[in-house]
Amino acid sequence: MLRTPLRHSPWLSELTGSVVRLKLETLQPTFSYKIRGAFNAVLKLRDRDRDRALRPALVTASAGNHGRALAHAARLAGLPLTVYVSAHAPRVKLEAMRAEGVDLRLCDDYDAAEQSAKADWKEFKHGPALLEAVNANEVDVGYVGETPPVFAQAGGVNFVYVATDPPAPLAEAIIVRKDSPLKSLADLRGKKVALNRGSNVHYLLVKALESVKLSLKDIEVLYLAPGDARPAYESGKVDAWVIWDPFLAAAEQAGSRTLVSGEHLVANRLFYVARREFAERQPKLLRTILDEFQSLSDWESKHAEESAKILAESSGIGYEALLVSEKRHTYGLQPITDAVLDAQQEIADNFRKLELIPKDIRTRDAFLPAAVYAAKP
């Protein structure tokens, strides 16, 4: 960024009756004063995250000059930048941004570019609540366990499966307190077991009981969200807790014993789901969102310690527990295949048989044949 000169303008001075001087920002590398604001914003973000392994990834929408200035500043700061811009912007500005090495995304117009560059991040304690928000048109894309979509589809939520993580059966378990007399799954008969209704662990409990020839009718089920289940469990008001990471890892750190994990019982996949109307109307934007999820997954898979530190700052869960959770997590987005849909159908059929959902469903009805989210060629 240059320190540009002031030049006296005789014509403007005479016209206004005052001494007018012009600051020649056209001499900046990007031919605009916007380089000043761009440098301030970029350096502030860089310095904020200087001590983190995860560099800030910058995203903006631009009609031309703004993106050009940010592109120049980002290159000098060594930060990646994605610019959403109208395909009808002046070619000289598009080429200038490309020359700075940005990831340039062309959109139909500026409104589309602005929409693509904006995102609101909303956190939910569990999958059922997220899918309720999808149903209320408050969320376009979400990340949930394998069971919530089954309950949601049976409840009429109009969503579609768009991608999945690899199975992570070790990331959920049925646990008991360290001083509990319960030693095996068979010991659960007649006992109080807490879980979040409609969450991924619901299916784990069903399959675990089935493995020792028990059913939900043989135990007393208490449907409690994690925030309510934990104090009930720790105080002895319930005998066992069916829970997922990172709450599982935190309980293990506090001394809980595992009766059984999901291994050899359930897949425990995590799914990326989208509001159907959004997926149908905004396929390019959905593809972009999934690309960003993939990038984040790639980074997180290589930086478990840093990820745990970041999550510990906002979650209220201890670093050590989160580190265990990060190392048990599975990474890398995978496409929705027939085998994945068949596995979801099996869950749905089991729940229907147990009258946990009110009607039969076809999981393939929650899948877009167009596969707008399929992996890039």
Protein backbone atom coordinates (compact mmCIF):
# COMPACT_ATOMS: atom_id res chain seq x y z
CA MET A 1 0.00 0.00 0.00
CA LEU A 2 1.40 3.37 -1.02
CA ARG A 3 1.41 6.73 0.67
CA THR A 4 -0.24 8.69 -2.10
CA PRO A 5 0.24 12.45 -2.70
CA LEU A 6 -2.21 15.33 -2.48
CA ARG A 7 -2.51 17.45 -5.63
CA HIS A 8 -4.09 20.86 -5.88
CA SER A 9 -7.06 21.04 -8.25
CA PRO A 10 -7.36 24.55 -9.72
CA TRP A 11 -10.66 23.79 -11.44
CA LEU A 12 -12.41 22.41 -8.33
CA SER A 13 -10.92 25.17 -6.20
CA GLU A 14 -12.30 27.84 -8.53
CA LEU A 15 -15.65 26.06 -8.80
CA THR A 16 -16.12 25.78 -5.02
CA GLY A 17 -14.38 28.95 -3.92
CA SER A 18 -12.15 26.87 -1.64
CA VAL A 19 -8.76 25.25 -1.84
CA VAL A 20 -9.40 21.68 -3.03
CA ARG A 21 -6.74 19.00 -3.05
CA LEU A 22 -7.16 15.51 -4.47
CA LYS A 23 -5.57 12.44 -2.90
CA LEU A 24 -4.38 10.31 -5.79
CA GLU A 25 -5.50 6.85 -4.69
CA THR A 26 -5.47 5.83 -8.33
CA LEU A 27 -1.73 5.35 -7.83
CA GLN A 28 -2.38 2.40 -5.50
CA PRO A 29 -1.53 -1.06 -6.92
CA THR A 30 -5.26 -1.75 -7.26
CA PHE A 31 -6.08 1.77 -8.57
CA SER A 32 -8.55 2.43 -5.74
CA TYR A 33 -8.67 3.73 -2.16
CA LYS A 34 -10.32 0.43 -1.13
CA ILE A 35 -6.90 -1.12 -0.65
CA ARG A 36 -6.66 0.68 2.72
CA GLY A 37 -9.73 -0.93 4.23
CA ALA A 38 -8.80 -4.26 2.69
CA PHE A 39 -5.34 -4.27 4.30
CA ASN A 40 -6.77 -3.31 7.70
CA ALA A 41 -9.34 -6.11 7.60
CA VAL A 42 -6.93 -8.79 6.36
CA LEU A 43 -4.12 -7.96 8.79
CA LYS A 44 -6.54 -7.86 11.72
CA LEU A 45 -7.75 -11.37 10.90
CA ARG A 46 -4.24 -12.66 10.33
CA ASP A 47 -2.95 -11.28 13.62
CA ARG A 48 -5.97 -12.57 15.54
CA ASP A 49 -5.21 -16.15 14.52
CA ARG A 50 -1.42 -15.88 14.36
CA ASP A 51 -0.91 -18.48 17.10
CA ARG A 52 -3.26 -21.02 15.56
CA ALA A 53 -2.43 -23.70 13.04
CA LEU A 54 -5.76 -22.97 11.30
CA ARG A 55 -5.28 -19.91 9.13
CA PRO A 56 -8.36 -17.75 8.52
CA ALA A 57 -9.87 -18.44 5.10
CA LEU A 58 -11.34 -15.26 3.68
CA VAL A 59 -14.59 -15.08 1.71
CA THR A 60 -16.19 -12.02 0.13
CA ALA A 61 -18.64 -10.90 -2.52
CA SER A 62 -17.63 -8.14 -4.90
CA ALA A 63 -18.67 -6.18 -7.94
CA GLY A 64 -14.99 -5.67 -8.79
CA ASN A 65 -12.93 -3.09 -6.89
CA HIS A 66 -13.54 -4.48 -3.41
CA GLY A 67 -12.54 -7.99 -4.44
CA ARG A 68 -9.50 -6.70 -6.27
CA ALA A 69 -8.28 -4.86 -3.18
CA LEU A 70 -8.86 -7.83 -0.88
CA ALA A 71 -7.14 -10.13 -3.35
CA HIS A 72 -4.00 -8.01 -3.30
CA ALA A 73 -4.01 -7.69 0.51
CA ALA A 74 -4.67 -11.42 1.03
CA ARG A 75 -1.81 -12.40 -1.27
CA LEU A 76 0.65 -10.20 0.59
CA ALA A 77 -0.61 -11.50 3.94
CA GLY A 78 -0.35 -15.11 2.77
CA LEU A 79 -4.03 -15.89 3.35
CA PRO A 80 -6.39 -17.82 1.06
CA LEU A 81 -9.29 -15.84 -0.39
CA THR A 82 -12.47 -16.84 -2.21
CA VAL A 83 -14.27 -14.10 -4.12
CA TYR A 84 -17.85 -14.49 -5.35
CA VAL A 85 -18.42 -12.07 -8.19
CA SER A 86 -20.88 -11.49 -10.99
CA ALA A 87 -19.83 -13.12 -14.25
CA HIS A 88 -20.78 -9.81 -15.86
CA ALA A 89 -18.17 -7.78 -13.95
CA PRO A 90 -15.57 -5.99 -16.13
CA ARG A 91 -13.14 -8.51 -17.52
CA VAL A 92 -10.12 -6.44 -16.52
CA LYS A 93 -11.18 -6.69 -12.87
CA LEU A 94 -11.80 -10.43 -13.07
CA GLU A 95 -8.39 -11.00 -14.62
CA ALA A 96 -6.73 -8.80 -12.00
CA MET A 97 -8.25 -10.91 -9.22
CA ARG A 98 -7.20 -14.13 -10.91
CA ALA A 99 -3.66 -12.76 -11.21
CA GLU A 100 -3.56 -12.35 -7.41
CA GLY A 101 -4.22 -16.08 -7.04
CA VAL A 102 -7.70 -15.97 -5.48
CA ASP A 103 -10.34 -18.67 -5.82
CA LEU A 104 -12.73 -16.82 -8.12
CA ARG A 105 -16.36 -18.03 -8.14
CA LEU A 106 -18.55 -16.59 -10.92
CA CYS A 107 -22.23 -16.06 -10.17
CA ASP A 108 -25.23 -15.02 -12.28
CA ASP A 109 -25.33 -11.53 -10.75
CA TYR A 110 -24.17 -9.58 -7.72
CA ASP A 111 -27.18 -10.61 -5.60
CA ALA A 112 -26.28 -14.25 -6.17
CA ALA A 113 -22.65 -13.50 -5.34
CA GLU A 114 -23.62 -11.79 -2.10
CA GLN A 115 -25.88 -14.67 -1.10
CA SER A 116 -23.15 -17.21 -1.82
CA ALA A 117 -20.61 -15.36 0.33
CA LYS A 118 -22.83 -15.10 3.41
CA ALA A 119 -23.37 -17.80 6.01
CA ASP A 120 -25.02 -17.87 9.42
CA TRP A 121 -23.64 -20.55 11.74
CA LYS A 122 -26.18 -21.91 14.23
CA GLU A 123 -25.30 -24.44 16.91
CA PHE A 124 -27.67 -27.09 18.22
CA LYS A 125 -27.22 -29.45 21.17
CA HIS A 126 -28.52 -32.44 19.21
CA GLY A 127 -29.75 -33.56 15.81
CA PRO A 128 -33.52 -33.56 16.41
CA ALA A 129 -33.44 -29.84 17.27
CA LEU A 130 -31.44 -29.09 14.12
CA LEU A 131 -33.94 -30.91 11.92
CA GLU A 132 -36.79 -29.02 13.58
CA ALA A 133 -35.02 -25.86 12.43
CA VAL A 134 -34.74 -27.30 8.91
CA ASN A 135 -38.49 -27.89 9.00
CA ALA A 136 -39.04 -24.28 10.05
CA ASN A 137 -36.89 -23.01 7.13
CA GLU A 138 -34.36 -21.63 9.62
CA VAL A 139 -31.50 -23.89 8.48
CA ASP A 140 -30.50 -24.86 4.95
CA VAL A 141 -27.69 -27.36 5.60
CA GLY A 142 -27.00 -29.32 8.77
CA TYR A 143 -24.84 -32.06 10.28
CA VAL A 144 -26.57 -34.81 12.26
CA GLY A 145 -26.28 -38.43 13.36
CA GLU A 146 -27.83 -41.40 11.58
CA THR A 147 -31.04 -41.64 13.62
CA PRO A 148 -32.45 -38.06 13.69
CA PRO A 149 -33.14 -38.05 9.92
CA VAL A 150 -35.28 -41.19 10.31
CA PHE A 151 -37.46 -39.56 12.98
CA ALA A 152 -37.55 -36.32 10.97
CA GLN A 153 -38.66 -38.03 7.76
CA ALA A 154 -41.39 -39.88 9.65
CA GLY A 155 -42.47 -36.51 11.05
CA GLY A 156 -42.78 -34.92 7.63
CA VAL A 157 -39.59 -32.83 7.56
CA ASN A 158 -38.74 -32.16 3.91
CA PHE A 159 -34.98 -32.70 3.80
CA VAL A 160 -32.53 -34.68 1.67
CA TYR A 161 -29.34 -36.57 2.48
CA VAL A 162 -26.41 -34.93 0.68
CA ALA A 163 -23.23 -36.53 2.07
CA THR A 164 -21.95 -38.64 4.94
CA ASP A 165 -18.86 -39.17 7.05
CA PRO A 166 -17.30 -42.64 7.37
CA PRO A 167 -18.73 -44.79 10.19
CA ALA A 168 -17.55 -43.98 13.73
CA PRO A 169 -18.93 -46.75 15.97
CA LEU A 170 -16.49 -46.03 18.81
CA ALA A 171 -17.82 -42.49 19.19
CA GLU A 172 -20.95 -43.61 21.10
CA ALA A 173 -21.52 -46.03 23.95
CA ILE A 174 -23.66 -47.21 26.84
CA ILE A 175 -21.87 -46.23 30.03
CA VAL A 176 -22.26 -46.70 33.78
CA ARG A 177 -20.67 -45.00 36.76
CA LYS A 178 -17.34 -46.43 37.95
CA ASP A 179 -18.93 -47.74 41.16
CA SER A 180 -21.94 -49.26 39.40
CA PRO A 181 -22.71 -52.93 40.08
CA LEU A 182 -23.75 -53.36 36.43
CA LYS A 183 -21.16 -55.43 34.56
CA SER A 184 -22.88 -56.42 31.32
CA LEU A 185 -25.71 -55.51 28.99
CA ALA A 186 -27.86 -58.25 30.47
CA ASP A 187 -27.65 -56.43 33.81
CA LEU A 188 -29.70 -53.57 32.34
CA ARG A 189 -32.94 -55.53 32.73
CA GLY A 190 -35.29 -53.46 34.86
CA LYS A 191 -32.83 -50.56 35.12
CA LYS A 192 -33.26 -46.88 34.28
CA VAL A 193 -31.42 -45.86 31.10
CA ALA A 194 -31.15 -42.27 29.90
CA LEU A 195 -30.79 -41.15 26.28
CA ASN A 196 -31.82 -38.35 23.97
CA ARG A 197 -34.92 -39.43 22.05
CA GLY A 198 -34.39 -39.57 18.30
CA SER A 199 -30.61 -39.11 18.49
CA ASN A 200 -28.00 -41.47 17.04
CA VAL A 201 -27.69 -43.40 20.31
CA HIS A 202 -31.35 -44.42 20.16
CA TYR A 203 -30.51 -47.07 17.58
CA LEU A 204 -27.43 -48.17 19.53
CA LEU A 205 -29.60 -48.94 22.55
CA VAL A 206 -32.05 -50.93 20.42
CA LYS A 207 -29.31 -53.02 18.81
CA ALA A 208 -27.37 -53.49 22.05
CA LEU A 209 -30.43 -54.81 23.89
CA GLU A 210 -31.28 -57.01 20.93
CA SER A 211 -27.80 -58.57 21.12
CA VAL A 212 -28.59 -59.98 24.58
CA LYS A 213 -32.21 -60.84 23.74
CA LEU A 214 -33.68 -57.83 25.55
CA SER A 215 -35.88 -55.01 24.25
CA LEU A 216 -36.86 -51.51 25.28
CA LYS A 217 -39.74 -53.02 27.22
CA ASP A 218 -37.24 -54.77 29.50
CA ILE A 219 -35.76 -51.51 30.78
CA GLU A 220 -37.08 -48.15 31.95
CA VAL A 221 -36.15 -45.55 29.33
CA LEU A 222 -35.83 -41.90 30.32
CA TYR A 223 -35.64 -39.51 27.40
CA LEU A 224 -33.29 -36.72 28.50
CA ALA A 225 -31.16 -34.26 26.53
CA PRO A 226 -27.44 -34.41 27.42
CA GLY A 227 -27.65 -31.33 29.64
CA ASP A 228 -30.35 -33.02 31.79
CA ALA A 229 -29.06 -36.58 31.47
CA ARG A 230 -25.61 -35.88 32.86
CA PRO A 231 -26.70 -34.65 36.33
CA ALA A 232 -29.31 -37.42 36.54
CA TYR A 233 -26.63 -39.98 35.68
CA GLU A 234 -23.98 -38.57 38.01
CA SER A 235 -26.42 -38.35 40.94
CA GLY A 236 -27.54 -41.96 40.51
CA LYS A 237 -31.10 -41.17 39.40
CA VAL A 238 -30.47 -43.29 36.30
CA ASP A 239 -28.40 -46.44 36.12
CA ALA A 240 -26.88 -46.07 32.65
CA TRP A 241 -26.47 -43.40 29.99
CA VAL A 242 -26.39 -43.89 26.22
CA ILE A 243 -24.32 -41.01 24.89
CA TRP A 244 -22.05 -39.80 22.10
CA ASP A 245 -18.83 -37.84 21.85
CA PRO A 246 -17.69 -35.44 23.17
CA PHE A 247 -20.04 -36.01 26.13
CA LEU A 248 -18.96 -39.65 26.11
CA ALA A 249 -15.29 -38.74 26.28
CA ALA A 250 -15.98 -36.29 29.13
CA ALA A 251 -17.80 -38.98 31.11
CA GLU A 252 -14.95 -41.40 30.50
CA GLN A 253 -12.48 -38.81 31.77
CA ALA A 254 -14.58 -38.61 34.94
CA GLY A 255 -14.28 -42.37 35.46
CA SER A 256 -17.33 -43.88 33.74
CA ARG A 257 -17.10 -47.45 32.45
CA THR A 258 -18.30 -48.58 29.03
CA LEU A 259 -20.71 -51.49 28.91
CA VAL A 260 -20.63 -51.51 25.13
CA SER A 261 -19.68 -49.12 22.32
CA GLY A 262 -21.22 -49.06 18.88
CA GLU A 263 -18.51 -51.35 17.50
CA HIS A 264 -20.01 -54.43 15.79
CA LEU A 265 -23.50 -53.09 16.53
CA VAL A 266 -24.06 -49.88 14.56
CA ALA A 267 -22.29 -47.77 11.96
CA ASN A 268 -22.90 -44.44 13.72
CA ARG A 269 -22.56 -42.32 10.62
CA LEU A 270 -22.87 -38.56 10.62
CA PHE A 271 -24.86 -37.05 7.77
CA TYR A 272 -24.91 -33.75 5.95
CA VAL A 273 -28.55 -32.96 5.23
CA ALA A 274 -30.16 -30.08 3.36
CA ARG A 275 -33.58 -28.54 3.13
CA ARG A 276 -35.02 -30.06 -0.06
CA GLU A 277 -36.05 -26.74 -1.61
CA PHE A 278 -32.60 -25.30 -0.98
CA ALA A 279 -30.89 -28.32 -2.55
CA GLU A 280 -33.12 -28.14 -5.62
CA ARG A 281 -32.86 -24.37 -6.15
CA GLN A 282 -29.26 -23.77 -5.12
CA PRO A 283 -27.24 -26.81 -6.28
CA LYS A 284 -24.07 -24.80 -7.00
CA LEU A 285 -24.18 -23.15 -3.59
CA LEU A 286 -24.76 -26.52 -1.93
CA ARG A 287 -21.73 -27.90 -3.77
CA THR A 288 -19.68 -24.97 -2.50
CA ILE A 289 -20.81 -25.58 1.08
CA LEU A 290 -19.86 -29.24 0.86
CA ASP A 291 -16.48 -28.30 -0.59
CA GLU A 292 -15.89 -26.09 2.44
CA PHE A 293 -16.93 -28.90 4.80
CA GLN A 294 -14.46 -31.18 3.02
CA SER A 295 -11.66 -28.63 3.42
CA LEU A 296 -12.43 -28.27 7.11
CA SER A 297 -12.56 -32.05 7.54
CA ASP A 298 -9.18 -32.41 5.83
CA TRP A 299 -7.64 -29.82 8.14
CA GLU A 300 -9.25 -31.20 11.29
CA SER A 301 -8.04 -34.73 10.53
CA LYS A 302 -4.45 -33.48 10.70
CA HIS A 303 -4.80 -31.07 13.63
CA ALA A 304 -6.57 -32.92 16.46
CA GLU A 305 -4.84 -30.92 19.21
CA GLU A 306 -5.59 -27.54 17.65
CA SER A 307 -9.18 -28.55 16.93
CA ALA A 308 -9.67 -29.60 20.55
CA LYS A 309 -8.31 -26.25 21.76
CA ILE A 310 -10.66 -24.31 19.49
CA LEU A 311 -13.69 -26.36 20.57
CA ALA A 312 -12.78 -26.13 24.25
CA GLU A 313 -13.00 -22.34 24.07
CA SER A 314 -16.66 -22.39 23.06
CA SER A 315 -18.15 -25.70 24.20
CA GLY A 316 -17.49 -25.75 27.94
CA ILE A 317 -16.04 -29.26 27.57
CA GLY A 318 -12.48 -29.91 28.69
CA TYR A 319 -9.58 -30.06 26.26
CA GLU A 320 -8.55 -33.62 27.18
CA ALA A 321 -12.04 -34.98 26.54
CA LEU A 322 -12.28 -33.15 23.25
CA LEU A 323 -8.90 -34.47 22.18
CA VAL A 324 -10.13 -38.04 22.75
CA SER A 325 -13.27 -37.21 20.79
CA GLU A 326 -11.30 -35.71 17.90
CA LYS A 327 -9.10 -38.80 17.64
CA ARG A 328 -12.15 -41.10 17.59
CA HIS A 329 -13.90 -39.03 14.94
CA THR A 330 -13.79 -40.13 11.31
CA TYR A 331 -13.05 -37.67 8.52
CA GLY A 332 -13.71 -37.12 4.85
CA LEU A 333 -17.06 -36.57 3.13
CA GLN A 334 -18.46 -39.58 1.28
CA PRO A 335 -21.34 -39.75 -1.24
CA ILE A 336 -24.76 -41.16 -0.43
CA THR A 337 -24.77 -44.66 -1.92
CA ASP A 338 -27.36 -47.42 -2.17
CA ALA A 339 -25.63 -49.18 0.73
CA VAL A 340 -25.89 -46.09 2.91
CA LEU A 341 -29.58 -45.64 2.10
CA ASP A 342 -30.19 -49.34 2.77
CA ALA A 343 -28.58 -48.97 6.20
CA GLN A 344 -30.83 -46.01 6.95
CA GLN A 345 -33.83 -48.02 5.77
CA GLU A 346 -32.93 -50.78 8.20
CA ILE A 347 -32.97 -48.26 11.05
CA ALA A 348 -36.35 -46.95 9.90
CA ASP A 349 -37.83 -50.45 9.63
CA ASN A 350 -36.60 -51.34 13.12
CA PHE A 351 -38.07 -48.18 14.60
CA ARG A 352 -41.38 -48.73 12.84
CA LYS A 353 -41.53 -52.28 14.18
CA LEU A 354 -40.94 -50.93 17.69
CA GLU A 355 -43.56 -48.18 17.09
CA LEU A 356 -40.94 -45.49 17.70
CA ILE A 357 -41.99 -43.74 14.47
CA PRO A 358 -45.64 -43.31 13.45
CA LYS A 359 -45.50 -44.63 9.88
CA ASP A 360 -43.48 -46.50 7.28
CA ILE A 361 -40.95 -44.42 5.35
CA ARG A 362 -38.69 -44.94 2.34
CA THR A 363 -35.28 -43.41 2.96
CA ARG A 364 -34.78 -43.09 -0.80
CA ASP A 365 -37.56 -40.50 -0.81
CA ALA A 366 -35.09 -38.25 1.04
CA PHE A 367 -32.49 -38.48 -1.73
CA LEU A 368 -32.26 -36.35 -4.87
CA PRO A 369 -31.64 -38.49 -7.95
CA ALA A 370 -29.90 -35.49 -9.54
CA ALA A 371 -27.14 -35.97 -6.93
CA VAL A 372 -26.15 -32.31 -7.02
CA TYR A 373 -23.81 -33.04 -4.15
CA ALA A 374 -21.91 -35.83 -5.91
CA ALA A 375 -18.13 -35.62 -5.83
CA LYS A 376 -16.54 -33.44 -8.47
CA PRO A 377 -15.19 -35.29 -11.52
